[in-house]
C-alpha atoms as a PDB file:
ATOM      1  CA  MET A   1       0.000   0.000   0.000  1.00  0.00           C
ATOM      2  CA  ALA A   2       1.241   3.470  -0.875  1.00  0.00           C
ATOM      3  CA  ALA A   3       0.824   4.744   2.707  1.00  0.00           C
ATOM      4  CA  PHE A   4       3.540   2.363   3.933  1.00  0.00           C
ATOM      5  CA  ARG A   5       5.780   2.211   0.869  1.00  0.00           C
ATOM      6  CA  ASP A   6       8.317   4.847   1.985  1.00  0.00           C
ATOM      7  CA  LEU A   7       8.680   3.572   5.555  1.00  0.00           C
ATOM      8  CA  PRO A   8      11.468   1.293   6.739  1.00  0.00           C
ATOM      9  CA  LEU A   9      10.467  -2.343   6.146  1.00  0.00           C
ATOM     10  CA  GLU A  10       9.537  -3.245   9.730  1.00  0.00           C
ATOM     11  CA  ASP A  11       7.646   0.035  10.276  1.00  0.00           C
ATOM     12  CA  GLY A  12       5.710  -0.511   7.049  1.00  0.00           C
ATOM     13  CA  ARG A  13       4.800  -4.045   8.039  1.00  0.00           C
ATOM     14  CA  LEU A  14       3.666  -2.973  11.502  1.00  0.00           C
ATOM     15  CA  GLY A  15       1.736  -0.067  10.006  1.00  0.00           C
ATOM     16  CA  PHE A  16      -0.015  -2.399   7.585  1.00  0.00           C
ATOM     17  CA  LEU A  17      -0.968  -4.833  10.368  1.00  0.00           C
ATOM     18  CA  LYS A  18      -2.218  -1.958  12.524  1.00  0.00           C
ATOM     19  CA  TRP A  19      -4.247  -0.657   9.573  1.00  0.00           C
ATOM     20  CA  ILE A  20      -5.920  -4.056   9.118  1.00  0.00           C
ATOM     21  CA  ALA A  21      -6.610  -4.344  12.856  1.00  0.00           C
ATOM     22  CA  ASN A  22      -8.146  -0.863  13.002  1.00  0.00           C
ATOM     23  CA  THR A  23     -10.144  -0.795   9.778  1.00  0.00           C
ATOM     24  CA  ARG A  24     -11.148  -4.480   9.487  1.00  0.00           C
ATOM     25  CA  PRO A  25     -11.475  -4.475   5.678  1.00  0.00           C
ATOM     26  CA  GLN A  26     -12.309  -8.188   5.861  1.00  0.00           C
ATOM     27  CA  GLY A  27     -15.563  -7.269   7.601  1.00  0.00           C
ATOM     28  CA  SER A  28     -16.581  -9.487  10.484  1.00  0.00           C
ATOM     29  CA  VAL A  29     -14.212 -10.608  13.207  1.00  0.00           C
ATOM     30  CA  ASN A  30     -15.312 -14.076  12.115  1.00  0.00           C
ATOM     31  CA  ASN A  31     -13.334 -13.625   8.886  1.00  0.00           C
ATOM     32  CA  PRO A  32      -9.764 -14.558   9.833  1.00  0.00           C
ATOM     33  CA  VAL A  33      -6.906 -12.691   8.175  1.00  0.00           C
ATOM     34  CA  THR A  34      -3.522 -14.138   7.311  1.00  0.00           C
ATOM     35  CA  VAL A  35      -0.769 -11.860   6.035  1.00  0.00           C
ATOM     36  CA  VAL A  36       2.207 -13.421   4.255  1.00  0.00           C
ATOM     37  CA  PHE A  37       5.473 -11.491   4.218  1.00  0.00           C
ATOM     38  CA  ASP A  38       8.648 -12.374   2.358  1.00  0.00           C
ATOM     39  CA  GLY A  39      11.570 -13.232   4.590  1.00  0.00           C
ATOM     40  CA  HIS A  40      12.181 -14.657   8.034  1.00  0.00           C
ATOM     41  CA  PRO A  41      10.554 -13.543  11.301  1.00  0.00           C
ATOM     42  CA  ASP A  42      13.944 -12.843  12.897  1.00  0.00           C
ATOM     43  CA  TYR A  43      14.087  -9.688  10.823  1.00  0.00           C
ATOM     44  CA  PHE A  44      10.623  -8.600  11.926  1.00  0.00           C
ATOM     45  CA  GLY A  45      10.247  -9.851  15.454  1.00  0.00           C
ATOM     46  CA  SER A  46       7.610 -12.162  16.751  1.00  0.00           C
ATOM     47  CA  THR A  47       5.131  -9.574  17.974  1.00  0.00           C
ATOM     48  CA  PRO A  48       1.656 -10.757  16.966  1.00  0.00           C
ATOM     49  CA  TYR A  49      -0.840  -8.112  15.995  1.00  0.00           C
ATOM     50  CA  GLY A  50      -4.260  -8.826  17.415  1.00  0.00           C
ATOM     51  CA  ASP A  51      -6.015 -11.721  15.762  1.00  0.00           C
ATOM     52  CA  ILE A  52      -4.131 -11.307  12.491  1.00  0.00           C
ATOM     53  CA  ARG A  53      -2.065 -14.358  11.614  1.00  0.00           C
ATOM     54  CA  VAL A  54       1.356 -13.376  10.278  1.00  0.00           C
ATOM     55  CA  ILE A  55       3.360 -15.873   8.237  1.00  0.00           C
ATOM     56  CA  PHE A  56       6.812 -15.442   6.737  1.00  0.00           C
ATOM     57  CA  SER A  57       7.814 -17.199   3.544  1.00  0.00           C
ATOM     58  CA  ASP A  58      11.092 -18.300   5.183  1.00  0.00           C
ATOM     59  CA  GLY A  59      13.105 -19.799   2.363  1.00  0.00           C
ATOM     60  CA  CYS A  60      10.669 -19.405  -0.517  1.00  0.00           C
ATOM     61  CA  SER A  61       8.865 -16.440  -2.017  1.00  0.00           C
ATOM     62  CA  ALA A  62       5.683 -15.099  -0.426  1.00  0.00           C
ATOM     63  CA  ASP A  63       3.954 -15.833  -3.752  1.00  0.00           C
ATOM     64  CA  ASP A  64       4.897 -19.518  -3.535  1.00  0.00           C
ATOM     65  CA  LYS A  65       3.859 -19.626   0.126  1.00  0.00           C
ATOM     66  CA  ILE A  66       0.423 -18.143  -0.717  1.00  0.00           C
ATOM     67  CA  LYS A  67      -0.065 -20.627  -3.550  1.00  0.00           C
ATOM     68  CA  ARG A  68       0.825 -23.534  -1.265  1.00  0.00           C
ATOM     69  CA  MET A  69      -1.529 -22.238   1.448  1.00  0.00           C
ATOM     70  CA  VAL A  70      -4.431 -22.052  -1.019  1.00  0.00           C
ATOM     71  CA  GLU A  71      -3.621 -25.575  -2.265  1.00  0.00           C
ATOM     72  CA  GLU A  72      -3.669 -26.915   1.305  1.00  0.00           C
ATOM     73  CA  ASP A  73      -6.802 -25.032   2.409  1.00  0.00           C
ATOM     74  CA  ALA A  74      -9.595 -27.483   3.146  1.00  0.00           C
ATOM     75  CA  ASP A  75     -12.242 -24.921   2.164  1.00  0.00           C
ATOM     76  CA  GLN A  76     -10.805 -23.248  -0.937  1.00  0.00           C
ATOM     77  CA  LYS A  77     -14.165 -21.830  -2.046  1.00  0.00           C
ATOM     78  CA  ASN A  78     -14.300 -19.704   1.124  1.00  0.00           C
ATOM     79  CA  CYS A  79     -10.683 -18.629   0.839  1.00  0.00           C
ATOM     80  CA  VAL A  80     -10.199 -15.047  -0.402  1.00  0.00           C
ATOM     81  CA  VAL A  81      -6.779 -14.131  -1.766  1.00  0.00           C
ATOM     82  CA  VAL A  82      -5.953 -10.418  -1.857  1.00  0.00           C
ATOM     83  CA  SER A  83      -3.175  -9.550  -4.283  1.00  0.00           C
ATOM     84  CA  ASN A  84      -2.386  -7.516  -7.364  1.00  0.00           C
ATOM     85  CA  ASP A  85      -0.122 -10.252  -8.688  1.00  0.00           C
ATOM     86  CA  LYS A  86      -1.723 -11.687 -11.831  1.00  0.00           C
ATOM     87  CA  ASP A  87      -0.015 -15.065 -11.410  1.00  0.00           C
ATOM     88  CA  ILE A  88      -1.425 -15.468  -7.882  1.00  0.00           C
ATOM     89  CA  PHE A  89      -4.831 -14.270  -9.080  1.00  0.00           C
ATOM     90  CA  LEU A  90      -4.996 -16.870 -11.855  1.00  0.00           C
ATOM     91  CA  TYR A  91      -3.607 -19.673  -9.699  1.00  0.00           C
ATOM     92  CA  ALA A  92      -5.972 -19.032  -6.772  1.00  0.00           C
ATOM     93  CA  ARG A  93      -8.950 -18.764  -9.113  1.00  0.00           C
ATOM     94  CA  SER A  94      -8.002 -22.047 -10.803  1.00  0.00           C
ATOM     95  CA  LEU A  95      -8.217 -23.743  -7.394  1.00  0.00           C
ATOM     96  CA  GLY A  96     -11.659 -22.290  -6.717  1.00  0.00           C
ATOM     97  CA  ALA A  97     -10.567 -19.600  -4.266  1.00  0.00           C
ATOM     98  CA  ARG A  98     -12.063 -16.152  -4.488  1.00  0.00           C
ATOM     99  CA  ILE A  99      -9.783 -13.303  -5.460  1.00  0.00           C
ATOM    100  CA  MET A 100      -9.733  -9.599  -4.690  1.00  0.00           C
ATOM    101  CA  SER A 101      -7.427  -6.792  -5.754  1.00  0.00           C
ATOM    102  CA  VAL A 102      -5.637  -4.724  -3.128  1.00  0.00           C
ATOM    103  CA  GLU A 103      -7.645  -1.694  -4.293  1.00  0.00           C
ATOM    104  CA  ALA A 104     -10.951  -3.500  -3.756  1.00  0.00           C
ATOM    105  CA  PHE A 105      -9.805  -4.718  -0.335  1.00  0.00           C
ATOM    106  CA  THR A 106      -8.714  -1.262   0.810  1.00  0.00           C
ATOM    107  CA  ALA A 107     -11.847   0.365  -0.640  1.00  0.00           C
ATOM    108  CA  LYS A 108     -13.929  -1.750   1.748  1.00  0.00           C
ATOM    109  CA  SER A 109     -12.253  -0.041   4.699  1.00  0.00           C
ATOM    110  CA  LYS A 110     -12.787   3.415   3.208  1.00  0.00           C
ATOM    111  CA  GLU A 111     -16.507   2.699   3.020  1.00  0.00           C
ATOM    112  CA  SER A 112     -16.568   1.920   6.748  1.00  0.00           C
ATOM    113  CA  HIS A 113     -15.071   5.229   7.855  1.00  0.00           C
ATOM    114  CA  VAL A 114     -17.229   8.310   7.901  1.00  0.00           C
ATOM    115  CA  ARG A 115     -15.577  11.697   7.909  1.00  0.00           C
ATOM    116  CA  GLN A 116     -16.944  13.949  10.646  1.00  0.00           C
ATOM    117  CA  ASP A 117     -17.926  17.574   9.977  1.00  0.00           C
ATOM    118  CA  THR A 118     -15.265  18.506  12.532  1.00  0.00           C
ATOM    119  CA  GLY A 119     -12.597  17.301  10.112  1.00  0.00           C
ATOM    120  CA  GLY A 120     -11.925  14.153  12.150  1.00  0.00           C
ATOM    121  CA  LYS A 121     -10.634  11.123  10.366  1.00  0.00           C
ATOM    122  CA  TYR A 122     -12.738   8.497  12.148  1.00  0.00           C
ATOM    123  CA  ILE A 123     -16.265   8.196  13.474  1.00  0.00           C
ATOM    124  CA  SER A 124     -16.811   8.453  17.231  1.00  0.00           C
ATOM    125  CA  LEU A 125     -16.599   5.369  19.423  1.00  0.00           C
ATOM    126  CA  SER A 126     -20.269   5.688  20.383  1.00  0.00           C
ATOM    127  CA  HIS A 127     -21.247   5.831  16.700  1.00  0.00           C
ATOM    128  CA  GLN A 128     -19.009   2.831  15.949  1.00  0.00           C
ATOM    129  CA  GLU A 129     -20.675   0.879  18.765  1.00  0.00           C
ATOM    130  CA  LYS A 130     -24.137   1.763  17.466  1.00  0.00           C
ATOM    131  CA  ILE A 131     -23.193   0.530  13.981  1.00  0.00           C
ATOM    132  CA  ASN A 132     -21.584  -2.629  15.393  1.00  0.00           C
ATOM    133  CA  LYS A 133     -24.721  -3.344  17.424  1.00  0.00           C
ATOM    134  CA  GLU A 134     -26.865  -2.988  14.295  1.00  0.00           C
ATOM    135  CA  PHE A 135     -24.562  -5.318  12.349  1.00  0.00           C
ATOM    136  CA  ARG A 136     -24.544  -7.924  15.145  1.00  0.00           C
ATOM    137  CA  SER A 137     -28.325  -7.745  15.279  1.00  0.00           C
ATOM    138  CA  PHE A 138     -28.658  -8.151  11.523  1.00  0.00           C
ATOM    139  CA  TRP A 139     -25.876 -10.637  10.730  1.00  0.00           C
ATOM    140  CA  LEU A 140     -25.534 -12.589  13.950  1.00  0.00           C
ATOM    141  CA  LYS A 141     -29.194 -12.317  14.998  1.00  0.00           C
ATOM    142  CA  GLU A 142     -28.126 -10.987  18.415  1.00  0.00           C
ATOM    143  CA  LYS A 143     -30.521  -8.835  20.379  1.00  0.00           C
END
């Protein structure tokens, strides 16, 4: 993502994980997120970020790791691969996984943030809770 491109590698990775944790572009907390980074965790640290699963390619490319993960997924039709890499797109689709561009994935988070008249970047916590309650009521049938 452009917002993290000019940061040092570890700062960009942490920023990206924080962005996912804060904006939840995957929607429900019931939709698990796995992020695959090139490299080895020794260069990043082992700090987990919330409920986001972080995997390092460790000896192969992240592209190959993603392909192998989709191959091994027991429920490929419910697997969503987010990437702008055409090779990954075609491979994941050939296995029955759903695919989404990075732009489409990030656009989902932009839809969930409402700009306040005060110029604030995010909606208030009370407004977020009201929306979350409505979603839980609708999607999870909670009262």
